[in-house]
């Protein structure tokens, strides 16, 4: 999740967006033209780290999904249970409402 540099921007351009599954980053990434320079820099750093850590995951789980507008982040979020451990470290823990995955 973006840091302090994005607090004001977040309240302004992404009000009510719930944290988890990259939703905040996806929202901010899709609205970079509305962000302060400090927040743009922070979002850019986070996205670069995420794309590096999740490159294999995006190729496997999101073939054909183009970067931009938060599409790739949305795809990763939709597939968060299938992400590699290196990608999950950068992505963050899923905010699952279930106690366990599937106990069946």
PDB file of N, CA and C in Angstrom:
ATOM      1  N   UNK A   1       0.839  -1.180   0.000  1.00  0.00           N
ATOM      2  CA  UNK A   1       0.000   0.000   0.000  1.00  0.00           C
ATOM      3  C   UNK A   1       0.885   1.245   0.000  1.00  0.00           C
ATOM      4  N   UNK A   2       0.508   2.237  -0.789  1.00  0.00           N
ATOM      5  CA  UNK A   2       1.303   3.465  -0.810  1.00  0.00           C
ATOM      6  C   UNK A   2       1.406   4.096   0.573  1.00  0.00           C
ATOM      7  N   UNK A   3       2.480   4.824   0.787  1.00  0.00           N
ATOM      8  CA  UNK A   3       2.755   5.383   2.108  1.00  0.00           C
ATOM      9  C   UNK A   3       2.150   6.752   2.359  1.00  0.00           C
ATOM     10  N   UNK A   4       2.773   7.456   3.318  1.00  0.00           N
ATOM     11  CA  UNK A   4       2.274   8.762   3.765  1.00  0.00           C
ATOM     12  C   UNK A   4       2.172   9.777   2.641  1.00  0.00           C
ATOM     13  N   UNK A   5       3.049   9.665   1.654  1.00  0.00           N
ATOM     14  CA  UNK A   5       3.054  10.618   0.547  1.00  0.00           C
ATOM     15  C   UNK A   5       1.709  10.643  -0.185  1.00  0.00           C
ATOM     16  N   UNK A   6       0.950   9.563  -0.071  1.00  0.00           N
ATOM     17  CA  UNK A   6      -0.309   9.451  -0.810  1.00  0.00           C
ATOM     18  C   UNK A   6      -1.556   9.644   0.049  1.00  0.00           C
ATOM     19  N   UNK A   7      -1.404   9.931   1.318  1.00  0.00           N
ATOM     20  CA  UNK A   7      -2.567  10.018   2.212  1.00  0.00           C
ATOM     21  C   UNK A   7      -3.609  11.017   1.698  1.00  0.00           C
ATOM     22  N   UNK A   8      -3.200  12.255   1.424  1.00  0.00           N
ATOM     23  CA  UNK A   8      -4.142  13.278   0.947  1.00  0.00           C
ATOM     24  C   UNK A   8      -4.707  12.909  -0.417  1.00  0.00           C
ATOM     25  N   UNK A   9      -3.836  12.388  -1.305  1.00  0.00           N
ATOM     26  CA  UNK A   9      -4.280  11.990  -2.643  1.00  0.00           C
ATOM     27  C   UNK A   9      -5.316  10.874  -2.555  1.00  0.00           C
ATOM     28  N   UNK A  10      -5.059   9.935  -1.676  1.00  0.00           N
ATOM     29  CA  UNK A  10      -5.951   8.794  -1.508  1.00  0.00           C
ATOM     30  C   UNK A  10      -7.350   9.245  -1.105  1.00  0.00           C
ATOM     31  N   UNK A  11      -7.406  10.151  -0.133  1.00  0.00           N
ATOM     32  CA  UNK A  11      -8.700  10.667   0.322  1.00  0.00           C
ATOM     33  C   UNK A  11      -9.426  11.418  -0.794  1.00  0.00           C
ATOM     34  N   UNK A  12      -8.651  12.065  -1.649  1.00  0.00           N
ATOM     35  CA  UNK A  12      -9.231  12.886  -2.712  1.00  0.00           C
ATOM     36  C   UNK A  12      -9.663  12.063  -3.934  1.00  0.00           C
ATOM     37  N   UNK A  13      -8.767  11.193  -4.435  1.00  0.00           N
ATOM     38  CA  UNK A  13      -9.061  10.495  -5.697  1.00  0.00           C
ATOM     39  C   UNK A  13      -9.599   9.079  -5.536  1.00  0.00           C
ATOM     40  N   UNK A  14      -9.441   8.477  -4.371  1.00  0.00           N
ATOM     41  CA  UNK A  14      -9.919   7.110  -4.163  1.00  0.00           C
ATOM     42  C   UNK A  14     -10.695   6.984  -2.846  1.00  0.00           C
ATOM     43  N   UNK A  15     -11.662   7.877  -2.597  1.00  0.00           N
ATOM     44  CA  UNK A  15     -12.382   7.785  -1.323  1.00  0.00           C
ATOM     45  C   UNK A  15     -13.175   6.493  -1.237  1.00  0.00           C
ATOM     46  N   UNK A  16     -13.135   5.866  -0.076  1.00  0.00           N
ATOM     47  CA  UNK A  16     -13.936   4.660   0.138  1.00  0.00           C
ATOM     48  C   UNK A  16     -13.368   3.382  -0.443  1.00  0.00           C
ATOM     49  N   UNK A  17     -12.194   3.444  -1.073  1.00  0.00           N
ATOM     50  CA  UNK A  17     -11.592   2.222  -1.620  1.00  0.00           C
ATOM     51  C   UNK A  17     -11.011   1.430  -0.458  1.00  0.00           C
ATOM     52  N   UNK A  18     -11.429   0.177  -0.354  1.00  0.00           N
ATOM     53  CA  UNK A  18     -10.980  -0.688   0.743  1.00  0.00           C
ATOM     54  C   UNK A  18      -9.567  -1.189   0.494  1.00  0.00           C
ATOM     55  N   UNK A  19      -8.769  -1.235   1.541  1.00  0.00           N
ATOM     56  CA  UNK A  19      -7.413  -1.770   1.430  1.00  0.00           C
ATOM     57  C   UNK A  19      -7.462  -3.278   1.224  1.00  0.00           C
ATOM     58  N   UNK A  20      -6.457  -3.809   0.587  1.00  0.00           N
ATOM     59  CA  UNK A  20      -6.359  -5.240   0.370  1.00  0.00           C
ATOM     60  C   UNK A  20      -6.466  -5.584  -1.099  1.00  0.00           C
ATOM     61  N   UNK A  21      -5.785  -6.632  -1.499  1.00  0.00           N
ATOM     62  CA  UNK A  21      -5.810  -7.136  -2.875  1.00  0.00           C
ATOM     63  C   UNK A  21      -5.375  -6.086  -3.887  1.00  0.00           C
ATOM     64  N   UNK A  22      -4.546  -5.117  -3.475  1.00  0.00           N
ATOM     65  CA  UNK A  22      -4.031  -4.127  -4.402  1.00  0.00           C
ATOM     66  C   UNK A  22      -5.046  -3.099  -4.876  1.00  0.00           C
ATOM     67  N   UNK A  23      -6.221  -3.048  -4.239  1.00  0.00           N
ATOM     68  CA  UNK A  23      -7.269  -2.126  -4.701  1.00  0.00           C
ATOM     69  C   UNK A  23      -6.837  -0.671  -4.635  1.00  0.00           C
ATOM     70  N   UNK A  24      -6.163  -0.270  -3.553  1.00  0.00           N
ATOM     71  CA  UNK A  24      -5.742   1.125  -3.415  1.00  0.00           C
ATOM     72  C   UNK A  24      -4.683   1.461  -4.463  1.00  0.00           C
ATOM     73  N   UNK A  25      -3.711   0.582  -4.621  1.00  0.00           N
ATOM     74  CA  UNK A  25      -2.668   0.811  -5.616  1.00  0.00           C
ATOM     75  C   UNK A  25      -3.273   0.863  -7.014  1.00  0.00           C
ATOM     76  N   UNK A  26      -4.208  -0.023  -7.295  1.00  0.00           N
ATOM     77  CA  UNK A  26      -4.875  -0.033  -8.606  1.00  0.00           C
ATOM     78  C   UNK A  26      -5.612   1.275  -8.842  1.00  0.00           C
ATOM     79  N   UNK A  27      -6.293   1.772  -7.820  1.00  0.00           N
ATOM     80  CA  UNK A  27      -7.017   3.029  -7.948  1.00  0.00           C
ATOM     81  C   UNK A  27      -6.052   4.176  -8.218  1.00  0.00           C
ATOM     82  N   UNK A  28      -5.007   4.272  -7.421  1.00  0.00           N
ATOM     83  CA  UNK A  28      -4.030   5.350  -7.591  1.00  0.00           C
ATOM     84  C   UNK A  28      -3.318   5.248  -8.938  1.00  0.00           C
ATOM     85  N   UNK A  29      -2.965   4.033  -9.340  1.00  0.00           N
ATOM     86  CA  UNK A  29      -2.256   3.830 -10.606  1.00  0.00           C
ATOM     87  C   UNK A  29      -3.120   4.255 -11.791  1.00  0.00           C
ATOM     88  N   UNK A  30      -4.415   4.110 -11.648  1.00  0.00           N
ATOM     89  CA  UNK A  30      -5.322   4.495 -12.720  1.00  0.00           C
ATOM     90  C   UNK A  30      -5.605   5.988 -12.776  1.00  0.00           C
ATOM     91  N   UNK A  31      -5.123   6.727 -11.784  1.00  0.00           N
ATOM     92  CA  UNK A  31      -5.412   8.167 -11.717  1.00  0.00           C
ATOM     93  C   UNK A  31      -4.150   8.984 -11.482  1.00  0.00           C
ATOM     94  N   UNK A  32      -3.034   8.542 -12.052  1.00  0.00           N
ATOM     95  CA  UNK A  32      -1.762   9.213 -11.784  1.00  0.00           C
ATOM     96  C   UNK A  32      -1.772  10.688 -12.169  1.00  0.00           C
ATOM     97  N   UNK A  33      -2.577  11.065 -13.152  1.00  0.00           N
ATOM     98  CA  UNK A  33      -2.618  12.477 -13.555  1.00  0.00           C
ATOM     99  C   UNK A  33      -3.220  13.375 -12.472  1.00  0.00           C
ATOM    100  N   UNK A  34      -3.889  12.779 -11.491  1.00  0.00           N
ATOM    101  CA  UNK A  34      -4.507  13.549 -10.413  1.00  0.00           C
ATOM    102  C   UNK A  34      -3.680  13.538  -9.120  1.00  0.00           C
ATOM    103  N   UNK A  35      -2.539  12.840  -9.129  1.00  0.00           N
ATOM    104  CA  UNK A  35      -1.747  12.668  -7.912  1.00  0.00           C
ATOM    105  C   UNK A  35      -0.641  13.709  -7.766  1.00  0.00           C
ATOM    106  N   UNK A  36      -0.249  13.973  -6.522  1.00  0.00           N
ATOM    107  CA  UNK A  36       0.901  14.839  -6.255  1.00  0.00           C
ATOM    108  C   UNK A  36       2.155  14.116  -6.741  1.00  0.00           C
ATOM    109  N   UNK A  37       3.225  14.868  -6.980  1.00  0.00           N
ATOM    110  CA  UNK A  37       4.465  14.270  -7.472  1.00  0.00           C
ATOM    111  C   UNK A  37       5.013  13.249  -6.477  1.00  0.00           C
ATOM    112  N   UNK A  38       4.963  13.553  -5.190  1.00  0.00           N
ATOM    113  CA  UNK A  38       5.477  12.630  -4.170  1.00  0.00           C
ATOM    114  C   UNK A  38       4.708  11.317  -4.205  1.00  0.00           C
ATOM    115  N   UNK A  39       3.403  11.391  -4.381  1.00  0.00           N
ATOM    116  CA  UNK A  39       2.590  10.179  -4.435  1.00  0.00           C
ATOM    117  C   UNK A  39       2.849   9.412  -5.730  1.00  0.00           C
ATOM    118  N   UNK A  40       2.978  10.125  -6.842  1.00  0.00           N
ATOM    119  CA  UNK A  40       3.301   9.468  -8.121  1.00  0.00           C
ATOM    120  C   UNK A  40       4.581   8.658  -7.986  1.00  0.00           C
ATOM    121  N   UNK A  41       5.597   9.270  -7.348  1.00  0.00           N
ATOM    122  CA  UNK A  41       6.884   8.593  -7.159  1.00  0.00           C
ATOM    123  C   UNK A  41       6.722   7.336  -6.304  1.00  0.00           C
ATOM    124  N   UNK A  42       5.924   7.447  -5.240  1.00  0.00           N
ATOM    125  CA  UNK A  42       5.691   6.322  -4.337  1.00  0.00           C
ATOM    126  C   UNK A  42       4.954   5.190  -5.062  1.00  0.00           C
ATOM    127  N   UNK A  43       3.916   5.540  -5.797  1.00  0.00           N
ATOM    128  CA  UNK A  43       3.136   4.550  -6.543  1.00  0.00           C
ATOM    129  C   UNK A  43       4.023   3.879  -7.585  1.00  0.00           C
ATOM    130  N   UNK A  44       4.843   4.663  -8.264  1.00  0.00           N
ATOM    131  CA  UNK A  44       5.738   4.120  -9.279  1.00  0.00           C
ATOM    132  C   UNK A  44       6.708   3.104  -8.682  1.00  0.00           C
ATOM    133  N   UNK A  45       7.292   3.428  -7.512  1.00  0.00           N
ATOM    134  CA  UNK A  45       8.210   2.504  -6.829  1.00  0.00           C
ATOM    135  C   UNK A  45       7.507   1.207  -6.453  1.00  0.00           C
ATOM    136  N   UNK A  46       6.296   1.340  -5.897  1.00  0.00           N
ATOM    137  CA  UNK A  46       5.535   0.156  -5.471  1.00  0.00           C
ATOM    138  C   UNK A  46       5.181  -0.724  -6.669  1.00  0.00           C
ATOM    139  N   UNK A  47       4.750  -0.090  -7.760  1.00  0.00           N
ATOM    140  CA  UNK A  47       4.382  -0.849  -8.954  1.00  0.00           C
ATOM    141  C   UNK A  47       5.586  -1.559  -9.547  1.00  0.00           C
ATOM    142  N   UNK A  48       6.731  -0.878  -9.581  1.00  0.00           N
ATOM    143  CA  UNK A  48       7.947  -1.492 -10.118  1.00  0.00           C
ATOM    144  C   UNK A  48       8.328  -2.719  -9.304  1.00  0.00           C
ATOM    145  N   UNK A  49       8.303  -2.598  -7.984  1.00  0.00           N
ATOM    146  CA  UNK A  49       8.628  -3.737  -7.108  1.00  0.00           C
ATOM    147  C   UNK A  49       7.633  -4.876  -7.320  1.00  0.00           C
ATOM    148  N   UNK A  50       6.365  -4.521  -7.433  1.00  0.00           N
ATOM    149  CA  UNK A  50       5.320  -5.532  -7.613  1.00  0.00           C
ATOM    150  C   UNK A  50       5.479  -6.249  -8.950  1.00  0.00           C
ATOM    151  N   UNK A  51       5.695  -5.499 -10.011  1.00  0.00           N
ATOM    152  CA  UNK A  51       5.832  -6.120 -11.332  1.00  0.00           C
ATOM    153  C   UNK A  51       7.058  -7.006 -11.418  1.00  0.00           C
ATOM    154  N   UNK A  52       8.163  -6.595 -10.764  1.00  0.00           N
ATOM    155  CA  UNK A  52       9.367  -7.429 -10.754  1.00  0.00           C
ATOM    156  C   UNK A  52       9.099  -8.740 -10.023  1.00  0.00           C
ATOM    157  N   UNK A  53       8.486  -8.637  -8.846  1.00  0.00           N
ATOM    158  CA  UNK A  53       8.231  -9.831  -8.023  1.00  0.00           C
ATOM    159  C   UNK A  53       7.162 -10.730  -8.631  1.00  0.00           C
ATOM    160  N   UNK A  54       6.271 -10.151  -9.416  1.00  0.00           N
ATOM    161  CA  UNK A  54       5.111 -10.906  -9.916  1.00  0.00           C
ATOM    162  C   UNK A  54       5.143 -11.145 -11.420  1.00  0.00           C
ATOM    163  N   UNK A  55       6.291 -10.915 -12.052  1.00  0.00           N
ATOM    164  CA  UNK A  55       6.373 -11.040 -13.505  1.00  0.00           C
ATOM    165  C   UNK A  55       5.921 -12.420 -13.994  1.00  0.00           C
ATOM    166  N   UNK A  56       6.438 -13.472 -13.394  1.00  0.00           N
ATOM    167  CA  UNK A  56       6.054 -14.826 -13.817  1.00  0.00           C
ATOM    168  C   UNK A  56       4.565 -15.074 -13.563  1.00  0.00           C
ATOM    169  N   UNK A  57       4.063 -14.542 -12.452  1.00  0.00           N
ATOM    170  CA  UNK A  57       2.645 -14.708 -12.114  1.00  0.00           C
ATOM    171  C   UNK A  57       1.755 -14.025 -13.159  1.00  0.00           C
ATOM    172  N   UNK A  58       2.145 -12.805 -13.563  1.00  0.00           N
ATOM    173  CA  UNK A  58       1.317 -12.092 -14.541  1.00  0.00           C
ATOM    174  C   UNK A  58       1.327 -12.809 -15.882  1.00  0.00           C
ATOM    175  N   UNK A  59       2.476 -13.367 -16.250  1.00  0.00           N
ATOM    176  CA  UNK A  59       2.557 -14.097 -17.518  1.00  0.00           C
ATOM    177  C   UNK A  59       1.704 -15.360 -17.481  1.00  0.00           C
ATOM    178  N   UNK A  60       1.685 -16.022 -16.327  1.00  0.00           N
ATOM    179  CA  UNK A  60       0.933 -17.271 -16.199  1.00  0.00           C
ATOM    180  C   UNK A  60      -0.562 -17.032 -15.965  1.00  0.00           C
ATOM    181  N   UNK A  61      -0.878 -16.104 -15.055  1.00  0.00           N
ATOM    182  CA  UNK A  61      -2.265 -15.921 -14.633  1.00  0.00           C
ATOM    183  C   UNK A  61      -3.032 -14.856 -15.418  1.00  0.00           C
ATOM    184  N   UNK A  62      -2.294 -13.952 -16.042  1.00  0.00           N
ATOM    185  CA  UNK A  62      -2.942 -12.818 -16.714  1.00  0.00           C
ATOM    186  C   UNK A  62      -2.440 -12.642 -18.145  1.00  0.00           C
ATOM    187  N   UNK A  63      -2.385 -13.715 -18.943  1.00  0.00           N
ATOM    188  CA  UNK A  63      -1.870 -13.557 -20.307  1.00  0.00           C
ATOM    189  C   UNK A  63      -2.793 -12.620 -21.098  1.00  0.00           C
ATOM    190  N   UNK A  64      -2.179 -11.718 -21.822  1.00  0.00           N
ATOM    191  CA  UNK A  64      -2.968 -10.810 -22.654  1.00  0.00           C
ATOM    192  C   UNK A  64      -3.529  -9.598 -21.940  1.00  0.00           C
ATOM    193  N   UNK A  65      -3.372  -9.526 -20.610  1.00  0.00           N
ATOM    194  CA  UNK A  65      -3.863  -8.361 -19.878  1.00  0.00           C
ATOM    195  C   UNK A  65      -2.813  -7.258 -20.004  1.00  0.00           C
ATOM    196  N   UNK A  66      -3.231  -6.111 -20.513  1.00  0.00           N
ATOM    197  CA  UNK A  66      -2.291  -5.013 -20.722  1.00  0.00           C
ATOM    198  C   UNK A  66      -2.097  -4.198 -19.453  1.00  0.00           C
ATOM    199  N   UNK A  67      -0.884  -3.646 -19.293  1.00  0.00           N
ATOM    200  CA  UNK A  67      -0.605  -2.767 -18.168  1.00  0.00           C
ATOM    201  C   UNK A  67      -1.330  -1.443 -18.399  1.00  0.00           C
ATOM    202  N   UNK A  68      -1.684  -0.804 -17.300  1.00  0.00           N
ATOM    203  CA  UNK A  68      -2.340   0.494 -17.393  1.00  0.00           C
ATOM    204  C   UNK A  68      -3.750   0.446 -16.854  1.00  0.00           C
ATOM    205  N   UNK A  69      -4.129   1.492 -16.176  1.00  0.00           N
ATOM    206  CA  UNK A  69      -5.489   1.596 -15.669  1.00  0.00           C
ATOM    207  C   UNK A  69      -5.821   0.607 -14.576  1.00  0.00           C
ATOM    208  N   UNK A  70      -4.804  -0.037 -14.015  1.00  0.00           N
ATOM    209  CA  UNK A  70      -5.046  -0.976 -12.928  1.00  0.00           C
ATOM    210  C   UNK A  70      -5.515  -2.354 -13.374  1.00  0.00           C
ATOM    211  N   UNK A  71      -5.500  -2.623 -14.689  1.00  0.00           N
ATOM    212  CA  UNK A  71      -5.999  -3.918 -15.198  1.00  0.00           C
ATOM    213  C   UNK A  71      -5.173  -5.096 -14.697  1.00  0.00           C
ATOM    214  N   UNK A  72      -3.846  -4.945 -14.730  1.00  0.00           N
ATOM    215  CA  UNK A  72      -2.970  -6.034 -14.287  1.00  0.00           C
ATOM    216  C   UNK A  72      -3.112  -6.256 -12.786  1.00  0.00           C
ATOM    217  N   UNK A  73      -3.222  -5.171 -12.032  1.00  0.00           N
ATOM    218  CA  UNK A  73      -3.424  -5.292 -10.591  1.00  0.00           C
ATOM    219  C   UNK A  73      -4.743  -5.987 -10.290  1.00  0.00           C
ATOM    220  N   UNK A  74      -5.772  -5.656 -11.051  1.00  0.00           N
ATOM    221  CA  UNK A  74      -7.078  -6.297 -10.873  1.00  0.00           C
ATOM    222  C   UNK A  74      -6.970  -7.792 -11.134  1.00  0.00           C
ATOM    223  N   UNK A  75      -6.257  -8.147 -12.191  1.00  0.00           N
ATOM    224  CA  UNK A  75      -6.074  -9.557 -12.523  1.00  0.00           C
ATOM    225  C   UNK A  75      -5.321 -10.290 -11.412  1.00  0.00           C
ATOM    226  N   UNK A  76      -4.253  -9.689 -10.911  1.00  0.00           N
ATOM    227  CA  UNK A  76      -3.507 -10.312  -9.807  1.00  0.00           C
ATOM    228  C   UNK A  76      -4.410 -10.473  -8.586  1.00  0.00           C
ATOM    229  N   UNK A  77      -5.212  -9.459  -8.316  1.00  0.00           N
ATOM    230  CA  UNK A  77      -6.141  -9.519  -7.182  1.00  0.00           C
ATOM    231  C   UNK A  77      -7.161 -10.628  -7.342  1.00  0.00           C
ATOM    232  N   UNK A  78      -7.629 -10.811  -8.564  1.00  0.00           N
ATOM    233  CA  UNK A  78      -8.606 -11.870  -8.834  1.00  0.00           C
ATOM    234  C   UNK A  78      -7.994 -13.254  -8.662  1.00  0.00           C
ATOM    235  N   UNK A  79      -6.663 -13.323  -8.794  1.00  0.00           N
ATOM    236  CA  UNK A  79      -5.958 -14.608  -8.713  1.00  0.00           C
ATOM    237  C   UNK A  79      -5.052 -14.698  -7.497  1.00  0.00           C
ATOM    238  N   UNK A  80      -5.353 -13.915  -6.451  1.00  0.00           N
ATOM    239  CA  UNK A  80      -4.424 -13.809  -5.313  1.00  0.00           C
ATOM    240  C   UNK A  80      -4.111 -15.134  -4.637  1.00  0.00           C
ATOM    241  N   UNK A  81      -5.013 -16.089  -4.664  1.00  0.00           N
ATOM    242  CA  UNK A  81      -4.744 -17.374  -4.015  1.00  0.00           C
ATOM    243  C   UNK A  81      -3.740 -18.217  -4.801  1.00  0.00           C
ATOM    244  N   UNK A  82      -3.541 -17.883  -6.087  1.00  0.00           N
ATOM    245  CA  UNK A  82      -2.626 -18.653  -6.928  1.00  0.00           C
ATOM    246  C   UNK A  82      -1.268 -17.981  -7.094  1.00  0.00           C
ATOM    247  N   UNK A  83      -1.049 -16.859  -6.423  1.00  0.00           N
ATOM    248  CA  UNK A  83       0.212 -16.129  -6.588  1.00  0.00           C
ATOM    249  C   UNK A  83       1.388 -16.876  -5.958  1.00  0.00           C
ATOM    250  N   UNK A  84       2.562 -16.693  -6.548  1.00  0.00           N
ATOM    251  CA  UNK A  84       3.784 -17.299  -6.002  1.00  0.00           C
ATOM    252  C   UNK A  84       4.125 -16.627  -4.675  1.00  0.00           C
ATOM    253  N   UNK A  85       4.967 -17.282  -3.886  1.00  0.00           N
ATOM    254  CA  UNK A  85       5.317 -16.723  -2.579  1.00  0.00           C
ATOM    255  C   UNK A  85       6.068 -15.408  -2.711  1.00  0.00           C
ATOM    256  N   UNK A  86       6.942 -15.274  -3.730  1.00  0.00           N
ATOM    257  CA  UNK A  86       7.682 -14.022  -3.898  1.00  0.00           C
ATOM    258  C   UNK A  86       6.734 -12.881  -4.263  1.00  0.00           C
ATOM    259  N   UNK A  87       5.732 -13.171  -5.045  1.00  0.00           N
ATOM    260  CA  UNK A  87       4.747 -12.156  -5.418  1.00  0.00           C
ATOM    261  C   UNK A  87       3.870 -11.807  -4.212  1.00  0.00           C
ATOM    262  N   UNK A  88       3.462 -12.810  -3.471  1.00  0.00           N
ATOM    263  CA  UNK A  88       2.613 -12.568  -2.294  1.00  0.00           C
ATOM    264  C   UNK A  88       3.300 -11.672  -1.267  1.00  0.00           C
ATOM    265  N   UNK A  89       4.633 -11.812  -1.136  1.00  0.00           N
ATOM    266  CA  UNK A  89       5.373 -10.982  -0.177  1.00  0.00           C
ATOM    267  C   UNK A  89       5.214  -9.505  -0.499  1.00  0.00           C
ATOM    268  N   UNK A  90       5.289  -9.156  -1.777  1.00  0.00           N
ATOM    269  CA  UNK A  90       5.166  -7.768  -2.201  1.00  0.00           C
ATOM    270  C   UNK A  90       3.694  -7.356  -2.258  1.00  0.00           C
ATOM    271  N   UNK A  91       2.865  -8.273  -2.697  1.00  0.00           N
ATOM    272  CA  UNK A  91       1.429  -8.013  -2.858  1.00  0.00           C
ATOM    273  C   UNK A  91       0.760  -7.738  -1.522  1.00  0.00           C
ATOM    274  N   UNK A  92       1.188  -8.470  -0.500  1.00  0.00           N
ATOM    275  CA  UNK A  92       0.555  -8.326   0.806  1.00  0.00           C
ATOM    276  C   UNK A  92      -0.408  -9.470   1.042  1.00  0.00           C
ATOM    277  N   UNK A  93      -0.845  -9.582   2.255  1.00  0.00           N
ATOM    278  CA  UNK A  93      -1.734 -10.685   2.626  1.00  0.00           C
ATOM    279  C   UNK A  93      -3.149 -10.407   2.133  1.00  0.00           C
ATOM    280  N   UNK A  94      -3.798 -11.432   1.581  1.00  0.00           N
ATOM    281  CA  UNK A  94      -5.177 -11.229   1.161  1.00  0.00           C
ATOM    282  C   UNK A  94      -6.074 -10.982   2.363  1.00  0.00           C
ATOM    283  N   UNK A  95      -7.020 -10.122   2.202  1.00  0.00           N
ATOM    284  CA  UNK A  95      -7.965  -9.826   3.285  1.00  0.00           C
ATOM    285  C   UNK A  95      -9.180 -10.730   3.115  1.00  0.00           C
ATOM    286  N   UNK A  96      -8.984 -11.994   3.365  1.00  0.00           N
ATOM    287  CA  UNK A  96     -10.054 -12.970   3.159  1.00  0.00           C
ATOM    288  C   UNK A  96     -10.994 -13.003   4.358  1.00  0.00           C
ATOM    289  N   UNK A  97     -12.266 -13.118   4.059  1.00  0.00           N
ATOM    290  CA  UNK A  97     -13.249 -13.198   5.130  1.00  0.00           C
ATOM    291  C   UNK A  97     -13.368 -14.633   5.650  1.00  0.00           C
ATOM    292  N   UNK A  98     -12.916 -15.587   4.832  1.00  0.00           N
ATOM    293  CA  UNK A  98     -12.976 -16.990   5.247  1.00  0.00           C
ATOM    294  C   UNK A  98     -11.816 -17.295   6.184  1.00  0.00           C
ATOM    295  N   UNK A  99     -12.059 -18.180   7.148  1.00  0.00           N
ATOM    296  CA  UNK A  99     -11.011 -18.554   8.095  1.00  0.00           C
ATOM    297  C   UNK A  99      -9.956 -19.431   7.403  1.00  0.00           C
ATOM    298  N   UNK A 100     -10.407 -20.367   6.598  1.00  0.00           N
ATOM    299  CA  UNK A 100      -9.493 -21.228   5.854  1.00  0.00           C
ATOM    300  C   UNK A 100      -9.902 -21.232   4.405  1.00  0.00           C
ATOM    301  N   UNK A 101      -9.024 -21.620   3.542  1.00  0.00           N
ATOM    302  CA  UNK A 101      -9.360 -21.676   2.117  1.00  0.00           C
ATOM    303  C   UNK A 101     -10.511 -22.669   1.958  1.00  0.00           C
ATOM    304  N   UNK A 102     -10.321 -23.785   1.399  1.00  0.00           N
ATOM    305  CA  UNK A 102     -11.409 -24.746   1.277  1.00  0.00           C
ATOM    306  C   UNK A 102     -11.052 -25.969   2.102  1.00  0.00           C
ATOM    307  N   UNK A 103     -11.821 -26.244   3.112  1.00  0.00           N
ATOM    308  CA  UNK A 103     -11.511 -27.355   4.005  1.00  0.00           C
ATOM    309  C   UNK A 103     -12.085 -28.663   3.474  1.00  0.00           C
ATOM    310  N   UNK A 104     -12.741 -28.617   2.339  1.00  0.00           N
ATOM    311  CA  UNK A 104     -13.364 -29.834   1.782  1.00  0.00           C
ATOM    312  C   UNK A 104     -12.344 -30.724   1.155  1.00  0.00           C
TER     313      UNK A 104
END
